[in-house]
Amino acid sequence: MFCRFVPKLITGKDVCELSDDGNPGAFNVFKHCGAKVGCLCLFLDALKGFAPVLCAGFILNTESYLFSLVIFAPVLGHAAGVFNRFRGGKCIAVSFGVMFGLIPVTYWGIILLAVLYILFSLVKISSNRIRSIIVYSLFLLASAIIMNVFGFHTAAVGCGLISLTAVAKHLTAVKPLRDVRADTELTEFSHNDK
């Protein structure tokens, strides 16, 4: 978990302890440690997805479903956070790294994910978590359709597994939103009581 280890090493800060959501992610590093450390962590998280997929693309048969597992593995490892007491990140930077690693095989993955994130960043959605759930759900559908139409079946399977992991990770992270809503209702109740 670069976004936890690197800030501790450089600044002595634990972004999981400082952040509201406890997420070892690049956004929290930018927020609590600044742009330089944030950019370094973002790059390292993306590289974590990019390097294995790019290398596997040259070594493995990209038509093999084993390649789908290689596409999926960096995102699963990041989401599970095995070296962080199973508290992983939300997979966004790693997913983009994987999509960049897929470019020699197919450029559809990076185009789909980037367009969806840009599109839903322009739409006013109150929560980044909800935005990510929508984006990854649509990415699942779009990659299944487009990549299968163009014959990139193994990439479509890998992207589908990434989408399911990211949606599951963001759904479990939505629970604090209910707590926030409950706190808001409690605050409104106490203000009305005065």
N, C-alpha and C. Protein backbone atom coordinates (compact mmCIF):
# COMPACT_ATOMS: atom_id res chain seq x y z
N MET A 1 0.85 -1.17 0.00
CA MET A 1 0.00 0.00 0.00
C MET A 1 0.89 1.24 0.00
N PHE A 2 1.28 1.67 -1.21
CA PHE A 2 2.17 2.83 -1.35
C PHE A 2 1.60 4.07 -0.67
N CYS A 3 0.29 4.23 -0.76
CA CYS A 3 -0.34 5.44 -0.21
C CYS A 3 -0.34 5.45 1.32
N ARG A 4 0.00 4.35 1.92
CA ARG A 4 0.16 4.35 3.37
C ARG A 4 1.64 4.39 3.75
N PHE A 5 2.44 3.59 3.04
CA PHE A 5 3.85 3.45 3.37
C PHE A 5 4.66 4.70 3.02
N VAL A 6 4.50 5.23 1.82
CA VAL A 6 5.30 6.36 1.36
C VAL A 6 5.07 7.62 2.21
N PRO A 7 3.83 8.02 2.49
CA PRO A 7 3.64 9.20 3.35
C PRO A 7 4.25 9.02 4.74
N LYS A 8 4.17 7.80 5.30
CA LYS A 8 4.78 7.55 6.60
C LYS A 8 6.29 7.74 6.51
N LEU A 9 6.88 7.24 5.44
CA LEU A 9 8.32 7.31 5.24
C LEU A 9 8.79 8.75 5.03
N ILE A 10 8.06 9.50 4.20
CA ILE A 10 8.50 10.86 3.84
C ILE A 10 8.06 11.91 4.85
N THR A 11 6.81 11.83 5.30
CA THR A 11 6.29 12.91 6.17
C THR A 11 6.02 12.46 7.60
N GLY A 12 6.03 11.15 7.84
CA GLY A 12 5.71 10.64 9.16
C GLY A 12 4.22 10.60 9.44
N LYS A 13 3.39 10.85 8.42
CA LYS A 13 1.94 10.87 8.59
C LYS A 13 1.32 9.55 8.13
N ASP A 14 0.32 9.10 8.86
CA ASP A 14 -0.46 7.93 8.48
C ASP A 14 -1.79 8.42 7.93
N VAL A 15 -1.95 8.36 6.60
CA VAL A 15 -3.16 8.92 5.98
C VAL A 15 -4.41 8.16 6.40
N CYS A 16 -4.27 6.90 6.76
CA CYS A 16 -5.45 6.14 7.21
C CYS A 16 -5.97 6.69 8.53
N GLU A 17 -5.07 7.09 9.40
CA GLU A 17 -5.50 7.66 10.68
C GLU A 17 -6.03 9.09 10.51
N LEU A 18 -5.48 9.82 9.55
CA LEU A 18 -5.87 11.22 9.37
C LEU A 18 -7.18 11.39 8.60
N SER A 19 -7.50 10.43 7.75
CA SER A 19 -8.67 10.59 6.87
C SER A 19 -9.95 10.12 7.55
N ASP A 20 -11.06 10.66 7.08
CA ASP A 20 -12.37 10.29 7.62
C ASP A 20 -12.74 8.86 7.29
N ASP A 21 -12.35 8.41 6.09
CA ASP A 21 -12.77 7.08 5.65
C ASP A 21 -11.73 5.99 5.91
N GLY A 22 -10.54 6.36 6.42
CA GLY A 22 -9.51 5.37 6.71
C GLY A 22 -8.93 4.71 5.49
N ASN A 23 -9.13 5.30 4.31
CA ASN A 23 -8.70 4.71 3.06
C ASN A 23 -7.25 5.06 2.75
N PRO A 24 -6.42 4.04 2.46
CA PRO A 24 -5.04 4.31 2.04
C PRO A 24 -5.01 4.61 0.54
N GLY A 25 -5.56 5.75 0.16
CA GLY A 25 -5.66 6.09 -1.26
C GLY A 25 -4.99 7.41 -1.59
N ALA A 26 -4.78 7.62 -2.88
CA ALA A 26 -4.06 8.80 -3.36
C ALA A 26 -4.77 10.10 -2.99
N PHE A 27 -6.10 10.12 -3.03
CA PHE A 27 -6.83 11.35 -2.68
C PHE A 27 -6.48 11.78 -1.26
N ASN A 28 -6.45 10.83 -0.34
CA ASN A 28 -6.11 11.16 1.05
C ASN A 28 -4.66 11.60 1.20
N VAL A 29 -3.77 11.05 0.38
CA VAL A 29 -2.37 11.49 0.42
C VAL A 29 -2.28 12.94 -0.06
N PHE A 30 -2.94 13.26 -1.17
CA PHE A 30 -2.95 14.64 -1.65
C PHE A 30 -3.50 15.58 -0.57
N LYS A 31 -4.58 15.17 0.05
CA LYS A 31 -5.26 16.01 1.04
C LYS A 31 -4.40 16.25 2.29
N HIS A 32 -3.73 15.21 2.77
CA HIS A 32 -3.03 15.32 4.05
C HIS A 32 -1.52 15.50 3.94
N CYS A 33 -0.95 15.21 2.77
CA CYS A 33 0.52 15.27 2.65
C CYS A 33 1.01 16.18 1.53
N GLY A 34 0.10 16.70 0.72
CA GLY A 34 0.50 17.62 -0.33
C GLY A 34 0.64 16.98 -1.70
N ALA A 35 0.85 17.84 -2.70
CA ALA A 35 0.87 17.41 -4.10
C ALA A 35 2.07 16.54 -4.45
N LYS A 36 3.24 16.86 -3.92
CA LYS A 36 4.44 16.09 -4.30
C LYS A 36 4.33 14.64 -3.85
N VAL A 37 3.98 14.43 -2.60
CA VAL A 37 3.84 13.07 -2.08
C VAL A 37 2.63 12.40 -2.73
N GLY A 38 1.57 13.17 -2.96
CA GLY A 38 0.38 12.63 -3.62
C GLY A 38 0.67 12.14 -5.03
N CYS A 39 1.42 12.94 -5.79
CA CYS A 39 1.77 12.53 -7.17
C CYS A 39 2.64 11.29 -7.17
N LEU A 40 3.58 11.22 -6.24
CA LEU A 40 4.44 10.04 -6.15
C LEU A 40 3.61 8.79 -5.85
N CYS A 41 2.71 8.90 -4.89
CA CYS A 41 1.86 7.75 -4.53
C CYS A 41 0.91 7.37 -5.67
N LEU A 42 0.35 8.36 -6.33
CA LEU A 42 -0.54 8.10 -7.48
C LEU A 42 0.22 7.36 -8.57
N PHE A 43 1.44 7.82 -8.86
CA PHE A 43 2.28 7.17 -9.87
C PHE A 43 2.59 5.73 -9.47
N LEU A 44 2.98 5.51 -8.22
CA LEU A 44 3.32 4.16 -7.76
C LEU A 44 2.12 3.22 -7.79
N ASP A 45 0.94 3.73 -7.40
CA ASP A 45 -0.27 2.90 -7.46
C ASP A 45 -0.62 2.54 -8.90
N ALA A 46 -0.49 3.50 -9.81
CA ALA A 46 -0.77 3.21 -11.22
C ALA A 46 0.26 2.23 -11.77
N LEU A 47 1.52 2.40 -11.38
CA LEU A 47 2.58 1.50 -11.82
C LEU A 47 2.33 0.07 -11.34
N LYS A 48 1.76 -0.06 -10.16
CA LYS A 48 1.42 -1.37 -9.60
C LYS A 48 0.47 -2.14 -10.54
N GLY A 49 -0.40 -1.43 -11.23
CA GLY A 49 -1.30 -2.07 -12.19
C GLY A 49 -0.69 -2.18 -13.57
N PHE A 50 0.08 -1.17 -13.96
CA PHE A 50 0.65 -1.09 -15.31
C PHE A 50 1.70 -2.16 -15.58
N ALA A 51 2.70 -2.26 -14.70
CA ALA A 51 3.86 -3.12 -14.95
C ALA A 51 3.51 -4.60 -15.15
N PRO A 52 2.74 -5.22 -14.25
CA PRO A 52 2.47 -6.65 -14.47
C PRO A 52 1.64 -6.94 -15.72
N VAL A 53 0.71 -6.05 -16.02
CA VAL A 53 -0.14 -6.28 -17.20
C VAL A 53 0.66 -6.08 -18.48
N LEU A 54 1.48 -5.04 -18.53
CA LEU A 54 2.31 -4.82 -19.71
C LEU A 54 3.27 -5.99 -19.93
N CYS A 55 3.95 -6.42 -18.87
CA CYS A 55 4.89 -7.54 -18.99
C CYS A 55 4.17 -8.83 -19.40
N ALA A 56 3.03 -9.10 -18.79
CA ALA A 56 2.27 -10.31 -19.13
C ALA A 56 1.80 -10.28 -20.57
N GLY A 57 1.51 -9.09 -21.08
CA GLY A 57 1.09 -8.96 -22.48
C GLY A 57 2.15 -9.42 -23.46
N PHE A 58 3.42 -9.32 -23.06
CA PHE A 58 4.52 -9.76 -23.92
C PHE A 58 4.87 -11.22 -23.69
N ILE A 59 4.56 -11.74 -22.50
CA ILE A 59 4.97 -13.10 -22.15
C ILE A 59 3.86 -14.11 -22.39
N LEU A 60 2.65 -13.78 -21.97
CA LEU A 60 1.52 -14.70 -22.07
C LEU A 60 0.77 -14.55 -23.39
N ASN A 61 0.02 -15.55 -23.71
CA ASN A 61 -0.92 -15.46 -24.82
C ASN A 61 -2.09 -14.59 -24.34
N THR A 62 -2.29 -13.44 -24.95
CA THR A 62 -3.34 -12.52 -24.51
C THR A 62 -4.74 -13.04 -24.80
N GLU A 63 -4.84 -14.13 -25.53
CA GLU A 63 -6.13 -14.77 -25.79
C GLU A 63 -6.47 -15.78 -24.69
N SER A 64 -5.51 -16.05 -23.81
CA SER A 64 -5.72 -17.00 -22.71
C SER A 64 -6.45 -16.32 -21.56
N TYR A 65 -7.32 -17.06 -20.92
CA TYR A 65 -8.03 -16.49 -19.78
C TYR A 65 -7.12 -16.33 -18.57
N LEU A 66 -5.93 -16.90 -18.63
CA LEU A 66 -4.91 -16.64 -17.61
C LEU A 66 -4.53 -15.15 -17.66
N PHE A 67 -4.54 -14.58 -18.85
CA PHE A 67 -4.26 -13.15 -19.00
C PHE A 67 -5.34 -12.31 -18.31
N SER A 68 -6.58 -12.78 -18.32
CA SER A 68 -7.65 -12.08 -17.60
C SER A 68 -7.35 -11.99 -16.11
N LEU A 69 -6.79 -13.07 -15.58
CA LEU A 69 -6.43 -13.09 -14.15
C LEU A 69 -5.29 -12.12 -13.85
N VAL A 70 -4.35 -12.00 -14.79
CA VAL A 70 -3.25 -11.04 -14.61
C VAL A 70 -3.81 -9.61 -14.62
N ILE A 71 -4.78 -9.35 -15.47
CA ILE A 71 -5.42 -8.02 -15.51
C ILE A 71 -6.09 -7.73 -14.17
N PHE A 72 -6.71 -8.72 -13.61
CA PHE A 72 -7.48 -8.59 -12.38
C PHE A 72 -6.61 -8.56 -11.12
N ALA A 73 -5.51 -9.27 -11.11
CA ALA A 73 -4.71 -9.47 -9.90
C ALA A 73 -4.23 -8.19 -9.21
N PRO A 74 -3.69 -7.18 -9.92
CA PRO A 74 -3.24 -5.99 -9.21
C PRO A 74 -4.37 -5.25 -8.49
N VAL A 75 -5.54 -5.23 -9.11
CA VAL A 75 -6.69 -4.55 -8.50
C VAL A 75 -7.18 -5.32 -7.29
N LEU A 76 -7.26 -6.63 -7.40
CA LEU A 76 -7.67 -7.45 -6.26
C LEU A 76 -6.69 -7.30 -5.11
N GLY A 77 -5.39 -7.35 -5.41
CA GLY A 77 -4.37 -7.20 -4.38
C GLY A 77 -4.45 -5.84 -3.69
N HIS A 78 -4.72 -4.82 -4.47
CA HIS A 78 -4.83 -3.47 -3.90
C HIS A 78 -6.10 -3.35 -3.05
N ALA A 79 -7.20 -3.88 -3.53
CA ALA A 79 -8.47 -3.80 -2.80
C ALA A 79 -8.44 -4.62 -1.52
N ALA A 80 -7.78 -5.78 -1.56
CA ALA A 80 -7.73 -6.64 -0.39
C ALA A 80 -6.75 -6.13 0.65
N GLY A 81 -5.68 -5.46 0.22
CA GLY A 81 -4.72 -4.90 1.16
C GLY A 81 -4.12 -5.92 2.10
N VAL A 82 -3.61 -7.01 1.54
CA VAL A 82 -3.07 -8.10 2.34
C VAL A 82 -2.01 -7.60 3.33
N PHE A 83 -1.16 -6.67 2.91
CA PHE A 83 -0.10 -6.17 3.78
C PHE A 83 -0.55 -4.97 4.62
N ASN A 84 -1.83 -4.69 4.61
CA ASN A 84 -2.39 -3.58 5.39
C ASN A 84 -3.58 -4.08 6.21
N ARG A 85 -3.42 -5.27 6.79
CA ARG A 85 -4.47 -5.89 7.62
C ARG A 85 -5.80 -6.00 6.86
N PHE A 86 -5.71 -6.28 5.56
CA PHE A 86 -6.86 -6.47 4.68
C PHE A 86 -7.73 -5.21 4.57
N ARG A 87 -7.12 -4.06 4.71
CA ARG A 87 -7.81 -2.78 4.50
C ARG A 87 -7.17 -2.12 3.29
N GLY A 88 -7.66 -2.46 2.13
CA GLY A 88 -7.08 -1.96 0.89
C GLY A 88 -7.70 -0.67 0.42
N GLY A 89 -7.19 -0.20 -0.71
CA GLY A 89 -7.68 1.02 -1.31
C GLY A 89 -8.90 0.78 -2.18
N LYS A 90 -9.36 1.86 -2.82
CA LYS A 90 -10.59 1.79 -3.61
C LYS A 90 -10.36 1.48 -5.09
N CYS A 91 -9.13 1.24 -5.48
CA CYS A 91 -8.78 0.66 -6.79
C CYS A 91 -8.73 1.61 -7.97
N ILE A 92 -8.96 2.88 -7.82
CA ILE A 92 -9.08 3.76 -8.97
C ILE A 92 -7.74 3.91 -9.70
N ALA A 93 -6.69 4.31 -8.99
CA ALA A 93 -5.38 4.52 -9.63
C ALA A 93 -4.84 3.22 -10.22
N VAL A 94 -4.99 2.13 -9.48
CA VAL A 94 -4.50 0.84 -9.97
C VAL A 94 -5.27 0.42 -11.22
N SER A 95 -6.58 0.66 -11.24
CA SER A 95 -7.39 0.33 -12.42
C SER A 95 -6.90 1.08 -13.66
N PHE A 96 -6.61 2.37 -13.49
CA PHE A 96 -6.09 3.14 -14.62
C PHE A 96 -4.73 2.62 -15.05
N GLY A 97 -3.89 2.22 -14.09
CA GLY A 97 -2.60 1.64 -14.44
C GLY A 97 -2.75 0.38 -15.27
N VAL A 98 -3.69 -0.48 -14.86
CA VAL A 98 -3.96 -1.71 -15.60
C VAL A 98 -4.43 -1.38 -17.03
N MET A 99 -5.30 -0.39 -17.16
CA MET A 99 -5.81 -0.02 -18.49
C MET A 99 -4.69 0.51 -19.38
N PHE A 100 -3.75 1.27 -18.80
CA PHE A 100 -2.59 1.72 -19.59
C PHE A 100 -1.72 0.54 -19.98
N GLY A 101 -1.59 -0.45 -19.11
CA GLY A 101 -0.82 -1.65 -19.43
C GLY A 101 -1.46 -2.47 -20.53
N LEU A 102 -2.76 -2.33 -20.71
CA LEU A 102 -3.49 -3.06 -21.76
C LEU A 102 -3.37 -2.42 -23.14
N ILE A 103 -2.87 -1.21 -23.23
CA ILE A 103 -2.86 -0.48 -24.51
C ILE A 103 -2.24 -1.29 -25.66
N PRO A 104 -1.12 -2.02 -25.47
CA PRO A 104 -0.63 -2.82 -26.60
C PRO A 104 -1.62 -3.89 -27.08
N VAL A 105 -2.49 -4.35 -26.18
CA VAL A 105 -3.48 -5.37 -26.54
C VAL A 105 -4.75 -4.71 -27.06
N THR A 106 -5.28 -3.77 -26.30
CA THR A 106 -6.47 -3.02 -26.69
C THR A 106 -6.48 -1.68 -25.97
N TYR A 107 -6.83 -0.66 -26.67
CA TYR A 107 -6.90 0.68 -26.07
C TYR A 107 -8.31 1.00 -25.58
N TRP A 108 -9.24 0.08 -25.77
CA TRP A 108 -10.63 0.34 -25.39
C TRP A 108 -10.80 0.54 -23.89
N GLY A 109 -10.04 -0.20 -23.09
CA GLY A 109 -10.18 -0.12 -21.64
C GLY A 109 -9.91 1.27 -21.10
N ILE A 110 -8.79 1.86 -21.51
CA ILE A 110 -8.44 3.18 -20.99
C ILE A 110 -9.41 4.24 -21.52
N ILE A 111 -9.84 4.10 -22.75
CA ILE A 111 -10.80 5.07 -23.31
C ILE A 111 -12.12 5.00 -22.55
N LEU A 112 -12.63 3.79 -22.35
CA LEU A 112 -13.92 3.63 -21.66
C LEU A 112 -13.87 4.18 -20.23
N LEU A 113 -12.84 3.78 -19.48
CA LEU A 113 -12.76 4.20 -18.09
C LEU A 113 -12.56 5.71 -17.98
N ALA A 114 -11.69 6.26 -18.81
CA ALA A 114 -11.44 7.71 -18.77
C ALA A 114 -12.68 8.50 -19.16
N VAL A 115 -13.35 8.10 -20.22
CA VAL A 115 -14.55 8.82 -20.67
C VAL A 115 -15.64 8.77 -19.60
N LEU A 116 -15.83 7.61 -18.99
CA LEU A 116 -16.86 7.50 -17.96
C LEU A 116 -16.53 8.37 -16.74
N TYR A 117 -15.26 8.37 -16.31
CA TYR A 117 -14.90 9.22 -15.17
C TYR A 117 -15.04 10.70 -15.50
N ILE A 118 -14.62 11.09 -16.70
CA ILE A 118 -14.76 12.50 -17.09
C ILE A 118 -16.23 12.89 -17.18
N LEU A 119 -17.02 12.05 -17.82
CA LEU A 119 -18.45 12.32 -17.98
C LEU A 119 -19.14 12.48 -16.62
N PHE A 120 -18.89 11.55 -15.71
CA PHE A 120 -19.57 11.60 -14.42
C PHE A 120 -18.91 12.57 -13.44
N SER A 121 -17.75 13.11 -13.79
CA SER A 121 -17.17 14.20 -13.00
C SER A 121 -17.83 15.52 -13.38
N LEU A 122 -18.34 15.60 -14.60
CA LEU A 122 -19.04 16.81 -15.05
C LEU A 122 -20.46 16.87 -14.51
N VAL A 123 -21.02 15.69 -14.23
CA VAL A 123 -22.37 15.61 -13.67
C VAL A 123 -22.25 15.82 -12.17
N LYS A 124 -23.13 16.63 -11.61
CA LYS A 124 -23.04 16.89 -10.17
C LYS A 124 -23.60 15.70 -9.39
N ILE A 125 -22.66 14.95 -8.80
CA ILE A 125 -23.00 13.83 -7.92
C ILE A 125 -22.37 14.15 -6.58
N SER A 126 -23.15 14.08 -5.53
CA SER A 126 -22.71 14.55 -4.22
C SER A 126 -21.55 13.74 -3.63
N SER A 127 -21.40 12.52 -4.01
CA SER A 127 -20.39 11.65 -3.39
C SER A 127 -19.47 11.05 -4.44
N ASN A 128 -18.17 11.08 -4.16
CA ASN A 128 -17.21 10.42 -5.05
C ASN A 128 -17.43 8.91 -5.05
N ARG A 129 -17.88 8.37 -3.94
CA ARG A 129 -18.14 6.93 -3.86
C ARG A 129 -19.28 6.53 -4.81
N ILE A 130 -20.35 7.29 -4.77
CA ILE A 130 -21.49 7.01 -5.66
C ILE A 130 -21.06 7.15 -7.11
N ARG A 131 -20.27 8.18 -7.41
CA ARG A 131 -19.76 8.38 -8.77
C ARG A 131 -18.96 7.16 -9.21
N SER A 132 -18.09 6.67 -8.35
CA SER A 132 -17.27 5.51 -8.71
C SER A 132 -18.11 4.25 -8.90
N ILE A 133 -19.14 4.08 -8.08
CA ILE A 133 -20.02 2.92 -8.25
C ILE A 133 -20.71 2.98 -9.61
N ILE A 134 -21.19 4.16 -9.98
CA ILE A 134 -21.85 4.33 -11.29
C ILE A 134 -20.85 4.08 -12.41
N VAL A 135 -19.66 4.69 -12.30
CA VAL A 135 -18.65 4.56 -13.36
C VAL A 135 -18.25 3.10 -13.55
N TYR A 136 -17.93 2.41 -12.47
CA TYR A 136 -17.48 1.02 -12.61
C TYR A 136 -18.61 0.09 -13.04
N SER A 137 -19.84 0.38 -12.66
CA SER A 137 -20.97 -0.41 -13.14
C SER A 137 -21.14 -0.25 -14.64
N LEU A 138 -21.06 0.98 -15.11
CA LEU A 138 -21.16 1.22 -16.56
C LEU A 138 -19.94 0.69 -17.30
N PHE A 139 -18.77 0.75 -16.66
CA PHE A 139 -17.55 0.21 -17.26
C PHE A 139 -17.68 -1.29 -17.46
N LEU A 140 -18.29 -1.97 -16.50
CA LEU A 140 -18.55 -3.41 -16.63
C LEU A 140 -19.40 -3.68 -17.87
N LEU A 141 -20.48 -2.95 -17.99
CA LEU A 141 -21.39 -3.14 -19.12
C LEU A 141 -20.73 -2.76 -20.45
N ALA A 142 -20.10 -1.59 -20.49
CA ALA A 142 -19.50 -1.10 -21.74
C ALA A 142 -18.34 -1.99 -22.18
N SER A 143 -17.49 -2.39 -21.25
CA SER A 143 -16.35 -3.23 -21.65
C SER A 143 -16.83 -4.60 -22.11
N ALA A 144 -17.86 -5.12 -21.47
CA ALA A 144 -18.40 -6.42 -21.90
C ALA A 144 -18.92 -6.33 -23.33
N ILE A 145 -19.62 -5.26 -23.64
CA ILE A 145 -20.18 -5.12 -24.99
C ILE A 145 -19.11 -4.81 -26.02
N ILE A 146 -18.36 -3.72 -25.79
CA ILE A 146 -17.43 -3.23 -26.81
C ILE A 146 -16.26 -4.19 -27.02
N MET A 147 -15.64 -4.64 -25.94
CA MET A 147 -14.47 -5.52 -26.11
C MET A 147 -14.86 -6.87 -26.70
N ASN A 148 -16.03 -7.37 -26.35
CA ASN A 148 -16.46 -8.64 -26.94
C ASN A 148 -16.81 -8.47 -28.41
N VAL A 149 -17.40 -7.33 -28.78
CA VAL A 149 -17.71 -7.07 -30.19
C VAL A 149 -16.43 -7.06 -31.03
N PHE A 150 -15.36 -6.46 -30.47
CA PHE A 150 -14.10 -6.36 -31.21
C PHE A 150 -13.18 -7.56 -30.99
N GLY A 151 -13.64 -8.56 -30.23
CA GLY A 151 -12.89 -9.80 -30.08
C GLY A 151 -11.86 -9.82 -28.97
N PHE A 152 -11.91 -8.89 -28.04
CA PHE A 152 -10.97 -8.87 -26.91
C PHE A 152 -11.63 -9.51 -25.69
N HIS A 153 -11.94 -10.79 -25.81
CA HIS A 153 -12.72 -11.48 -24.77
C HIS A 153 -12.00 -11.54 -23.43
N THR A 154 -10.70 -11.85 -23.45
CA THR A 154 -9.96 -11.97 -22.19
C THR A 154 -9.83 -10.61 -21.50
N ALA A 155 -9.65 -9.56 -22.27
CA ALA A 155 -9.59 -8.21 -21.69
C ALA A 155 -10.95 -7.84 -21.10
N ALA A 156 -12.02 -8.23 -21.78
CA ALA A 156 -13.36 -7.95 -21.27
C ALA A 156 -13.60 -8.66 -19.94
N VAL A 157 -13.15 -9.91 -19.82
CA VAL A 157 -13.30 -10.65 -18.57
C VAL A 157 -12.49 -9.97 -17.46
N GLY A 158 -11.25 -9.60 -17.76
CA GLY A 158 -10.41 -8.92 -16.78
C GLY A 158 -11.02 -7.61 -16.33
N CYS A 159 -11.53 -6.83 -17.28
CA CYS A 159 -12.17 -5.54 -16.94
C CYS A 159 -13.45 -5.76 -16.14
N GLY A 160 -14.16 -6.81 -16.44
CA GLY A 160 -15.36 -7.13 -15.67
C GLY A 160 -15.03 -7.48 -14.23
N LEU A 161 -13.97 -8.25 -14.03
CA LEU A 161 -13.55 -8.59 -12.67
C LEU A 161 -13.08 -7.35 -11.91
N ILE A 162 -12.37 -6.45 -12.60
CA ILE A 162 -11.95 -5.19 -11.99
C ILE A 162 -13.18 -4.39 -11.57
N SER A 163 -14.16 -4.30 -12.45
CA SER A 163 -15.38 -3.54 -12.16
C SER A 163 -16.11 -4.09 -10.95
N LEU A 164 -16.27 -5.40 -10.90
CA LEU A 164 -16.97 -6.02 -9.77
C LEU A 164 -16.23 -5.75 -8.46
N THR A 165 -14.91 -5.83 -8.49
CA THR A 165 -14.11 -5.57 -7.29
C THR A 165 -14.25 -4.12 -6.85
N ALA A 166 -14.15 -3.20 -7.81
CA ALA A 166 -14.24 -1.77 -7.47
C ALA A 166 -15.63 -1.41 -6.94
N VAL A 167 -16.67 -1.95 -7.56
CA VAL A 167 -18.02 -1.68 -7.08
C VAL A 167 -18.20 -2.23 -5.67
N ALA A 168 -17.74 -3.46 -5.43
CA ALA A 168 -17.84 -4.05 -4.10
C ALA A 168 -17.08 -3.22 -3.07
N LYS A 169 -15.90 -2.76 -3.44
CA LYS A 169 -15.09 -1.96 -2.53
C LYS A 169 -15.78 -0.64 -2.20
N HIS A 170 -16.35 0.01 -3.21
CA HIS A 170 -17.04 1.28 -2.99
C HIS A 170 -18.38 1.09 -2.26
N LEU A 171 -19.05 -0.03 -2.50
CA LEU A 171 -20.30 -0.30 -1.77
C LEU A 171 -20.04 -0.47 -0.28
N THR A 172 -18.97 -1.17 0.06
CA THR A 172 -18.65 -1.34 1.47
C THR A 172 -18.20 -0.02 2.09
N ALA A 173 -17.66 0.88 1.26
CA ALA A 173 -17.24 2.19 1.75
C ALA A 173 -18.41 3.15 1.88
N VAL A 174 -19.59 2.80 1.32
CA VAL A 174 -20.75 3.68 1.38
C VAL A 174 -21.36 3.68 2.78
N LYS A 175 -21.09 2.66 3.56
CA LYS A 175 -21.68 2.57 4.90
C LYS A 175 -21.48 3.84 5.72
N PRO A 176 -20.29 4.47 5.71
CA PRO A 176 -20.15 5.71 6.47
C PRO A 176 -21.09 6.82 6.00
N LEU A 177 -21.55 6.77 4.75
CA LEU A 177 -22.49 7.78 4.28
C LEU A 177 -23.79 7.72 5.07
N ARG A 178 -24.22 6.52 5.43
CA ARG A 178 -25.41 6.38 6.26
C ARG A 178 -25.18 7.02 7.62
N ASP A 179 -23.96 6.84 8.15
CA ASP A 179 -23.62 7.45 9.43
C ASP A 179 -23.63 8.97 9.32
N VAL A 180 -23.11 9.49 8.20
CA VAL A 180 -23.11 10.93 7.97
C VAL A 180 -24.54 11.44 7.90
N ARG A 181 -25.40 10.71 7.17
CA ARG A 181 -26.80 11.10 7.06
C ARG A 181 -27.48 11.08 8.43
N ALA A 182 -27.18 10.06 9.23
CA ALA A 182 -27.75 9.97 10.57
C ALA A 182 -27.26 11.12 11.44
N ASP A 183 -25.96 11.48 11.32
CA ASP A 183 -25.43 12.61 12.07
C ASP A 183 -26.09 13.91 11.65
N THR A 184 -26.35 14.06 10.35
CA THR A 184 -27.01 15.26 9.84
C THR A 184 -28.42 15.35 10.40
N GLU A 185 -29.14 14.22 10.38
CA GLU A 185 -30.50 14.22 10.91
C GLU A 185 -30.50 14.52 12.41
N LEU A 186 -29.52 14.00 13.13
CA LEU A 186 -29.41 14.25 14.56
C LEU A 186 -29.12 15.74 14.82
N THR A 187 -28.24 16.33 14.00
CA THR A 187 -27.92 17.75 14.14
C THR A 187 -29.15 18.60 13.84
N GLU A 188 -29.89 18.26 12.77
CA GLU A 188 -31.09 19.00 12.43
C GLU A 188 -32.13 18.88 13.55
N PHE A 189 -32.23 17.67 14.13
CA PHE A 189 -33.17 17.46 15.23
C PHE A 189 -32.81 18.32 16.43
N SER A 190 -31.51 18.38 16.75
CA SER A 190 -31.09 19.17 17.92
C SER A 190 -31.26 20.66 17.67
N HIS A 191 -31.08 21.12 16.40
CA HIS A 191 -31.32 22.53 16.08
C HIS A 191 -32.80 22.88 16.16
N ASN A 192 -33.65 21.96 15.74
CA ASN A 192 -35.10 22.21 15.81
C ASN A 192 -35.59 22.17 17.25
N ASP A 193 -34.86 21.45 18.09
CA ASP A 193 -35.25 21.32 19.48
C ASP A 193 -35.03 22.61 20.25
N LYS A 194 -34.11 23.47 19.76
CA LYS A 194 -33.81 24.73 20.47
C LYS A 194 -34.81 25.76 20.22
